[in-house]
Amino acid sequence: MKEDHLIDFKIVAQQMRGQLTHIAMWRKIVRLLIYSVYPLALLWLAFTIFGRHIVDAGNYETSQITATYVVIFFVAFVVLNTLFSLCLNVLKQKEEKVMGQVINQLFPDANYSPTKEVKVSDIRASRLFGTPNRSEGTLQVASYGALSFPTQHQALTIADIGVTATNEQNTKPWRSFRLLCRAIFSPMWGAQVESTMFSFRGMFGYCRLPRTCRGFVMLLPDHLEDKLGYFALTIQKLRERHKAKFVYLEDPEFERLFTVYADDEVEARMILTPAMMKKLTALRCSFTHDLMLSFSGDTFYYASNMPKGFLRLSGKTSVNEDLLLEIYQEIGFCLSVEEMMGEHVDKQEI
């Protein structure tokens, strides 16, 4: 991986300023249409529920006038919604093209594919999303691009994904209302409109290990362990179906960042050696987002929730060199993970 000081982010940003500014313009157009379309969708939903009472309350002439306004409203809604869909698709295509150019500038060895999909079996095997088996629920997964790198130990693949586990939205009566609120309200203030229907949106990657672990070991962000959402549901599933136990490790700094669960405490301690915990602590401190990690079978998995998207430009906060530095650091972090695991492989610590 290139060192930061070998890349002049300001020069690269100047070279791509026109394209990045163009992306920012399309993002504003899409955001404006969101603020137009989704309130209209809410009004249309309200009319379908209560409109009959409004129409029945008036006389024939009033009903005719109301019907005219309804037709005008519906046509306006269809036109705006069509325009919104077209603009969103244009933004997506332009963003993918520019993202490929940015990655090529920052990581010439990387292979970026905006259409590559992550296997659902790999996402299940990580156990980070609560449904390791089909019998325990289904996963709704969307991929927003993937990167692969030729590295010293293996071909490293990382991806931008969205995940929703059906077991987190069971048959409770308020499920439909919750989904409706997600569909209508969340896009208006969400960082990415396509992220709003997922419980997880962000980075997902994995590295193969030279040996197979007995059972699994999972590391979750300590401060999110007791919160509602897929974290709590993941822990509940692990405890109920896989006899997962909390593992106490004698490293206060490590345990300040991670809570460890495993079905075999001895195996967990063999994997999370003092050297490994020190490396994982340093790795987490170098990153600005929460991390979920797991050792399962012959693979080390990692994921980080990024509502703005991982391999996306439109959720970023600027169009200058800071944007390029943010992208570089996020992708560079994944390479650091592979390098760290490679060092432990070479030392036969795993």
Protein backbone atom coordinates (compact mmCIF):
# COMPACT_ATOMS: atom_id res chain seq x y z
CA MET A 1 0.00 0.00 0.00
CA LYS A 2 1.20 3.50 -0.76
CA GLU A 3 2.26 5.68 2.11
CA ASP A 4 0.16 8.79 2.71
CA HIS A 5 3.06 11.14 2.07
CA LEU A 6 3.62 9.69 -1.42
CA ILE A 7 0.16 10.82 -2.52
CA ASP A 8 -0.54 14.52 -2.95
CA PHE A 9 -4.27 14.48 -2.29
CA LYS A 10 -4.56 18.17 -3.13
CA ILE A 11 -3.18 17.63 -6.65
CA VAL A 12 -5.39 14.58 -7.22
CA ALA A 13 -8.41 16.56 -5.98
CA GLN A 14 -7.58 19.41 -8.37
CA GLN A 15 -7.33 16.96 -11.26
CA MET A 16 -10.75 15.51 -10.44
CA ARG A 17 -12.44 18.65 -9.10
CA GLY A 18 -14.74 18.99 -12.10
CA GLN A 19 -16.02 15.42 -11.81
CA LEU A 20 -16.37 15.57 -8.03
CA THR A 21 -18.25 18.88 -8.25
CA HIS A 22 -20.53 17.33 -10.88
CA ILE A 23 -21.32 14.48 -8.48
CA ALA A 24 -22.07 17.00 -5.72
CA MET A 25 -24.49 18.84 -8.07
CA TRP A 26 -26.38 15.64 -8.90
CA ARG A 27 -26.50 14.79 -5.21
CA LYS A 28 -28.23 18.13 -4.51
CA ILE A 29 -30.73 17.51 -7.31
CA VAL A 30 -31.57 14.05 -5.94
CA ARG A 31 -31.87 15.44 -2.41
CA LEU A 32 -34.26 18.17 -3.64
CA LEU A 33 -36.40 15.55 -5.38
CA ILE A 34 -36.43 13.42 -2.23
CA TYR A 35 -37.85 16.36 -0.28
CA SER A 36 -40.53 16.68 -2.98
CA VAL A 37 -41.44 13.05 -3.69
CA TYR A 38 -41.54 11.51 -0.21
CA PRO A 39 -43.86 14.11 1.39
CA LEU A 40 -46.17 13.68 -1.62
CA ALA A 41 -46.06 9.91 -1.09
CA LEU A 42 -47.07 10.47 2.53
CA LEU A 43 -49.95 12.72 1.47
CA TRP A 44 -51.09 10.17 -1.10
CA LEU A 45 -51.02 7.45 1.52
CA ALA A 46 -53.11 9.63 3.83
CA PHE A 47 -55.60 10.28 1.03
CA THR A 48 -56.00 6.58 0.25
CA ILE A 49 -56.88 6.04 3.91
CA PHE A 50 -59.06 9.07 4.62
CA GLY A 51 -59.98 10.36 1.15
CA ARG A 52 -63.23 8.48 0.93
CA HIS A 53 -64.56 10.23 4.02
CA ILE A 54 -63.60 13.63 2.53
CA VAL A 55 -65.32 12.87 -0.79
CA ASP A 56 -68.46 11.46 0.84
CA ALA A 57 -68.78 14.52 3.07
CA GLY A 58 -69.38 16.90 0.13
CA ASN A 59 -72.02 17.22 -2.59
CA TYR A 60 -71.65 16.15 -6.21
CA GLU A 61 -70.06 19.41 -7.36
CA THR A 62 -67.55 19.36 -4.52
CA SER A 63 -66.71 15.73 -5.29
CA GLN A 64 -66.01 16.61 -8.92
CA ILE A 65 -63.66 19.42 -7.92
CA THR A 66 -61.94 17.13 -5.43
CA ALA A 67 -61.51 14.44 -8.09
CA THR A 68 -59.90 16.98 -10.45
CA TYR A 69 -57.39 18.04 -7.82
CA VAL A 70 -56.68 14.39 -7.02
CA VAL A 71 -55.91 13.65 -10.69
CA ILE A 72 -53.62 16.70 -10.91
CA PHE A 73 -51.89 15.68 -7.68
CA PHE A 74 -51.44 12.10 -8.88
CA VAL A 75 -49.99 13.18 -12.24
CA ALA A 76 -47.57 15.55 -10.49
CA PHE A 77 -46.54 12.77 -8.12
CA VAL A 78 -45.94 10.29 -10.98
CA VAL A 79 -43.89 12.86 -12.94
CA LEU A 80 -41.74 13.79 -9.93
CA ASN A 81 -41.28 10.16 -8.92
CA THR A 82 -40.20 9.24 -12.46
CA LEU A 83 -37.80 12.18 -12.53
CA PHE A 84 -36.45 11.15 -9.14
CA SER A 85 -35.83 7.57 -10.31
CA LEU A 86 -34.04 8.77 -13.44
CA CYS A 87 -31.85 11.24 -11.55
CA LEU A 88 -31.01 8.66 -8.89
CA ASN A 89 -29.94 6.22 -11.59
CA VAL A 90 -27.83 8.90 -13.32
CA LEU A 91 -26.16 9.76 -10.01
CA LYS A 92 -25.43 6.09 -9.36
CA GLN A 93 -23.82 5.58 -12.78
CA LYS A 94 -21.74 8.74 -12.61
CA GLU A 95 -20.70 7.99 -9.05
CA GLU A 96 -19.56 4.48 -9.92
CA LYS A 97 -17.54 5.79 -12.87
CA VAL A 98 -15.82 8.52 -10.82
CA MET A 99 -15.29 6.17 -7.88
CA GLY A 100 -13.45 3.81 -10.21
CA GLN A 101 -11.21 6.68 -11.34
CA VAL A 102 -10.55 7.76 -7.75
CA ILE A 103 -9.60 4.24 -6.70
CA ASN A 104 -7.35 3.88 -9.73
CA GLN A 105 -5.55 7.07 -8.71
CA LEU A 106 -5.15 6.06 -5.07
CA PHE A 107 -4.74 2.29 -5.43
CA PRO A 108 -3.48 1.38 -8.94
CA ASP A 109 -3.31 -2.34 -8.06
CA ALA A 110 -6.95 -2.49 -6.97
CA ASN A 111 -9.66 -4.09 -9.09
CA TYR A 112 -12.92 -2.18 -8.57
CA SER A 113 -16.21 -3.70 -9.68
CA PRO A 114 -19.40 -1.69 -9.02
CA THR A 115 -21.59 -4.70 -9.84
CA LYS A 116 -19.79 -7.53 -8.04
CA GLU A 117 -21.93 -9.21 -5.39
CA VAL A 118 -20.83 -10.76 -2.13
CA LYS A 119 -21.95 -14.33 -1.56
CA VAL A 120 -24.74 -14.55 0.99
CA SER A 121 -23.06 -17.72 2.31
CA ASP A 122 -20.00 -15.66 3.31
CA ILE A 123 -22.18 -13.11 5.08
CA ARG A 124 -24.00 -15.89 6.92
CA ALA A 125 -20.78 -17.65 7.87
CA SER A 126 -19.51 -14.48 9.57
CA ARG A 127 -22.37 -14.74 12.12
CA LEU A 128 -22.24 -10.96 12.41
CA PHE A 129 -25.83 -10.53 11.29
CA GLY A 130 -27.65 -13.07 13.43
CA THR A 131 -28.60 -15.80 10.92
CA PRO A 132 -25.84 -18.36 10.33
CA ASN A 133 -28.36 -20.93 9.06
CA ARG A 134 -31.30 -20.63 6.68
CA SER A 135 -33.57 -22.19 9.30
CA GLU A 136 -32.93 -19.22 11.58
CA GLY A 137 -34.15 -16.63 9.11
CA THR A 138 -33.27 -15.12 5.77
CA LEU A 139 -30.92 -12.31 4.90
CA GLN A 140 -31.81 -9.57 2.46
CA VAL A 141 -28.51 -8.46 0.97
CA ALA A 142 -27.62 -5.78 -1.57
CA SER A 143 -24.12 -5.16 -2.91
CA TYR A 144 -22.90 -1.71 -3.92
CA GLY A 145 -19.54 -2.67 -5.33
CA ALA A 146 -16.44 -4.58 -4.33
CA LEU A 147 -12.67 -4.21 -4.37
CA SER A 148 -10.09 -6.92 -4.75
CA PHE A 149 -6.35 -6.62 -4.17
CA PRO A 150 -3.53 -9.02 -5.04
CA THR A 151 -1.71 -9.31 -1.72
CA GLN A 152 1.19 -11.36 -0.42
CA HIS A 153 -1.00 -14.01 1.17
CA GLN A 154 -4.19 -14.07 -0.91
CA ALA A 155 -6.59 -12.06 -3.04
CA LEU A 156 -8.25 -9.70 -0.60
CA THR A 157 -11.89 -8.77 -1.25
CA ILE A 158 -13.84 -6.02 0.49
CA ALA A 159 -17.32 -4.80 -0.35
CA ASP A 160 -19.97 -2.19 0.31
CA ILE A 161 -23.14 -4.03 1.33
CA GLY A 162 -26.57 -3.53 2.85
CA VAL A 163 -28.05 -6.25 5.08
CA THR A 164 -31.36 -6.85 6.80
CA ALA A 165 -32.05 -10.04 8.74
CA THR A 166 -35.70 -11.07 8.71
CA ASN A 167 -35.44 -12.37 12.24
CA GLU A 168 -34.95 -8.81 13.46
CA GLN A 169 -38.37 -7.91 12.08
CA ASN A 170 -40.48 -10.76 13.34
CA THR A 171 -44.24 -11.01 13.44
CA LYS A 172 -44.82 -8.23 15.95
CA PRO A 173 -47.90 -6.09 15.13
CA TRP A 174 -45.89 -2.90 14.62
CA ARG A 175 -43.64 -4.43 11.96
CA SER A 176 -45.63 -2.96 9.03
CA PHE A 177 -45.73 0.48 10.62
CA ARG A 178 -42.00 0.37 11.24
CA LEU A 179 -41.28 -0.60 7.63
CA LEU A 180 -43.59 2.15 6.40
CA CYS A 181 -41.78 4.76 8.48
CA ARG A 182 -38.44 3.50 7.15
CA ALA A 183 -39.65 3.68 3.57
CA ILE A 184 -41.13 7.20 3.77
CA PHE A 185 -39.36 9.15 6.49
CA SER A 186 -35.81 7.73 6.58
CA PRO A 187 -34.80 8.76 3.04
CA MET A 188 -35.53 12.42 3.83
CA TRP A 189 -32.71 12.62 6.36
CA GLY A 190 -30.69 9.50 5.61
CA ALA A 191 -27.17 9.83 4.23
CA GLN A 192 -27.97 7.43 1.37
CA VAL A 193 -31.50 6.85 0.14
CA GLU A 194 -30.72 3.21 -0.72
CA SER A 195 -29.44 2.58 2.82
CA THR A 196 -32.65 3.36 4.64
CA MET A 197 -34.25 -0.08 4.29
CA PHE A 198 -31.25 -1.91 5.74
CA SER A 199 -30.30 -2.45 9.38
CA PHE A 200 -26.64 -2.53 8.30
CA ARG A 201 -24.95 -0.60 5.51
CA GLY A 202 -21.21 -0.41 5.19
CA MET A 203 -17.96 -2.30 4.81
CA PHE A 204 -17.65 -6.09 4.83
CA GLY A 205 -14.48 -8.10 4.19
CA TYR A 206 -12.71 -11.31 5.09
CA CYS A 207 -9.31 -13.02 5.17
CA ARG A 208 -8.70 -16.77 5.01
CA LEU A 209 -6.76 -18.36 7.87
CA PRO A 210 -4.20 -21.18 7.59
CA ARG A 211 -6.11 -23.34 10.06
CA THR A 212 -9.72 -23.98 10.95
CA CYS A 213 -10.98 -22.59 14.25
CA ARG A 214 -13.05 -24.79 16.51
CA GLY A 215 -16.42 -23.04 16.70
CA PHE A 216 -16.43 -19.27 16.47
CA VAL A 217 -15.17 -16.18 18.25
CA MET A 218 -17.00 -12.87 17.89
CA LEU A 219 -15.88 -9.37 18.86
CA LEU A 220 -18.55 -6.68 19.04
CA PRO A 221 -18.24 -2.99 19.94
CA ASP A 222 -18.46 -2.77 23.71
CA HIS A 223 -20.64 0.33 23.88
CA LEU A 224 -23.24 -1.12 21.49
CA GLU A 225 -23.58 -4.53 23.07
CA ASP A 226 -26.68 -3.74 25.12
CA LYS A 227 -28.43 -1.59 22.53
CA LEU A 228 -31.39 -2.69 20.44
CA GLY A 229 -30.85 -3.71 16.86
CA TYR A 230 -28.94 -6.44 15.09
CA PHE A 231 -26.18 -6.39 17.76
CA ALA A 232 -28.57 -7.44 20.51
CA LEU A 233 -30.33 -9.93 18.26
CA THR A 234 -27.03 -11.44 17.16
CA ILE A 235 -25.99 -11.94 20.78
CA GLN A 236 -29.39 -13.39 21.66
CA LYS A 237 -29.17 -15.92 18.81
CA LEU A 238 -25.65 -16.88 19.78
CA ARG A 239 -26.60 -17.44 23.38
CA GLU A 240 -29.79 -19.38 22.67
CA ARG A 241 -28.75 -21.61 19.78
CA HIS A 242 -25.00 -21.82 19.88
CA LYS A 243 -24.25 -21.71 23.62
CA ALA A 244 -22.09 -18.64 23.17
CA LYS A 245 -20.47 -17.34 26.33
CA PHE A 246 -18.96 -14.04 27.30
CA VAL A 247 -15.18 -14.39 27.43
CA TYR A 248 -13.26 -12.29 29.92
CA LEU A 249 -9.74 -11.39 28.84
CA GLU A 250 -7.11 -9.73 31.01
CA ASP A 251 -6.57 -6.68 28.83
CA PRO A 252 -8.47 -3.58 30.02
CA GLU A 253 -7.70 -1.53 26.90
CA PHE A 254 -8.90 -4.31 24.60
CA GLU A 255 -12.07 -4.88 26.62
CA ARG A 256 -12.79 -1.16 26.57
CA LEU A 257 -13.21 -1.51 22.81
CA PHE A 258 -14.58 -5.03 22.34
CA THR A 259 -16.90 -7.53 24.01
CA VAL A 260 -15.93 -11.11 23.16
CA TYR A 261 -18.33 -14.05 22.73
CA ALA A 262 -17.33 -17.60 21.84
CA ASP A 263 -18.67 -21.13 22.06
CA ASP A 264 -15.24 -22.41 23.15
CA GLU A 265 -13.40 -20.25 25.66
CA VAL A 266 -10.14 -22.19 25.26
CA GLU A 267 -10.19 -21.64 21.51
CA ALA A 268 -10.95 -17.95 22.02
CA ARG A 269 -7.88 -17.55 24.22
CA MET A 270 -5.73 -19.42 21.71
CA ILE A 271 -6.82 -16.99 18.99
CA LEU A 272 -6.85 -13.80 21.04
CA THR A 273 -3.30 -13.96 22.31
CA PRO A 274 -1.84 -10.87 24.01
CA ALA A 275 -0.06 -10.01 20.76
CA MET A 276 -3.27 -10.37 18.75
CA MET A 277 -5.27 -8.25 21.21
CA LYS A 278 -2.62 -5.55 21.06
CA LYS A 279 -2.79 -5.56 17.27
CA LEU A 280 -6.60 -5.44 17.23
CA THR A 281 -6.60 -2.60 19.74
CA ALA A 282 -4.21 -0.57 17.59
CA LEU A 283 -6.25 -1.42 14.51
CA ARG A 284 -9.49 -0.21 16.08
CA CYS A 285 -7.88 2.99 17.38
CA SER A 286 -6.68 3.78 13.85
CA PHE A 287 -10.23 3.65 12.50
CA THR A 288 -13.06 6.14 13.01
CA HIS A 289 -15.95 3.66 12.86
CA ASP A 290 -17.10 0.82 15.10
CA LEU A 291 -15.88 -2.64 14.14
CA MET A 292 -17.47 -6.08 14.30
CA LEU A 293 -15.03 -8.97 14.01
CA SER A 294 -15.37 -12.73 13.99
CA PHE A 295 -13.28 -15.86 13.58
CA SER A 296 -15.37 -18.65 12.13
CA GLY A 297 -14.08 -21.81 10.48
CA ASP A 298 -11.03 -20.93 8.40
CA THR A 299 -11.93 -17.25 7.96
CA PHE A 300 -11.53 -13.94 9.76
CA TYR A 301 -14.43 -11.57 9.04
CA TYR A 302 -14.76 -7.87 9.71
CA ALA A 303 -17.53 -5.34 9.16
CA SER A 304 -18.17 -1.70 9.95
CA ASN A 305 -21.48 0.15 9.84
CA MET A 306 -21.21 3.18 7.52
CA PRO A 307 -24.66 4.64 6.74
CA LYS A 308 -23.10 6.96 4.15
CA GLY A 309 -21.80 3.95 2.26
CA PHE A 310 -18.31 2.52 1.94
CA LEU A 311 -17.55 2.65 -1.79
CA ARG A 312 -19.68 5.73 -2.39
CA LEU A 313 -18.96 9.40 -3.05
CA SER A 314 -22.41 10.96 -2.61
CA GLY A 315 -22.50 10.43 1.14
CA LYS A 316 -19.20 12.16 1.78
CA THR A 317 -19.08 15.63 3.27
CA SER A 318 -16.78 17.44 0.84
CA VAL A 319 -15.47 17.49 -2.72
CA ASN A 320 -11.87 18.44 -1.94
CA GLU A 321 -8.76 16.57 -0.86
CA ASP A 322 -10.43 15.66 2.45
CA LEU A 323 -12.84 13.42 0.52
CA LEU A 324 -9.96 11.59 -1.17
CA LEU A 325 -8.13 11.22 2.14
CA GLU A 326 -11.27 9.76 3.73
CA ILE A 327 -11.62 7.20 0.93
CA TYR A 328 -7.92 6.38 1.12
CA GLN A 329 -8.03 5.82 4.87
CA GLU A 330 -11.14 3.63 4.71
CA ILE A 331 -9.74 1.36 2.00
CA GLY A 332 -6.24 1.50 3.48
CA PHE A 333 -7.67 0.23 6.75
CA CYS A 334 -8.81 -2.96 5.01
CA LEU A 335 -5.31 -3.49 3.66
CA SER A 336 -3.99 -3.00 7.19
CA VAL A 337 -6.28 -5.79 8.37
CA GLU A 338 -4.87 -8.17 5.77
CA GLU A 339 -1.30 -7.13 6.62
CA MET A 340 -1.93 -7.71 10.32
CA MET A 341 -3.40 -11.16 9.72
CA GLY A 342 -0.53 -11.96 7.34
CA GLU A 343 2.04 -11.12 10.02
CA HIS A 344 0.35 -13.49 12.46
CA VAL A 345 0.18 -16.20 9.79
CA ASP A 346 3.91 -15.85 9.14
CA LYS A 347 4.62 -16.06 12.87
CA GLN A 348 2.21 -19.02 13.14
CA GLU A 349 0.28 -17.26 15.89
CA ILE A 350 -3.03 -18.37 14.40
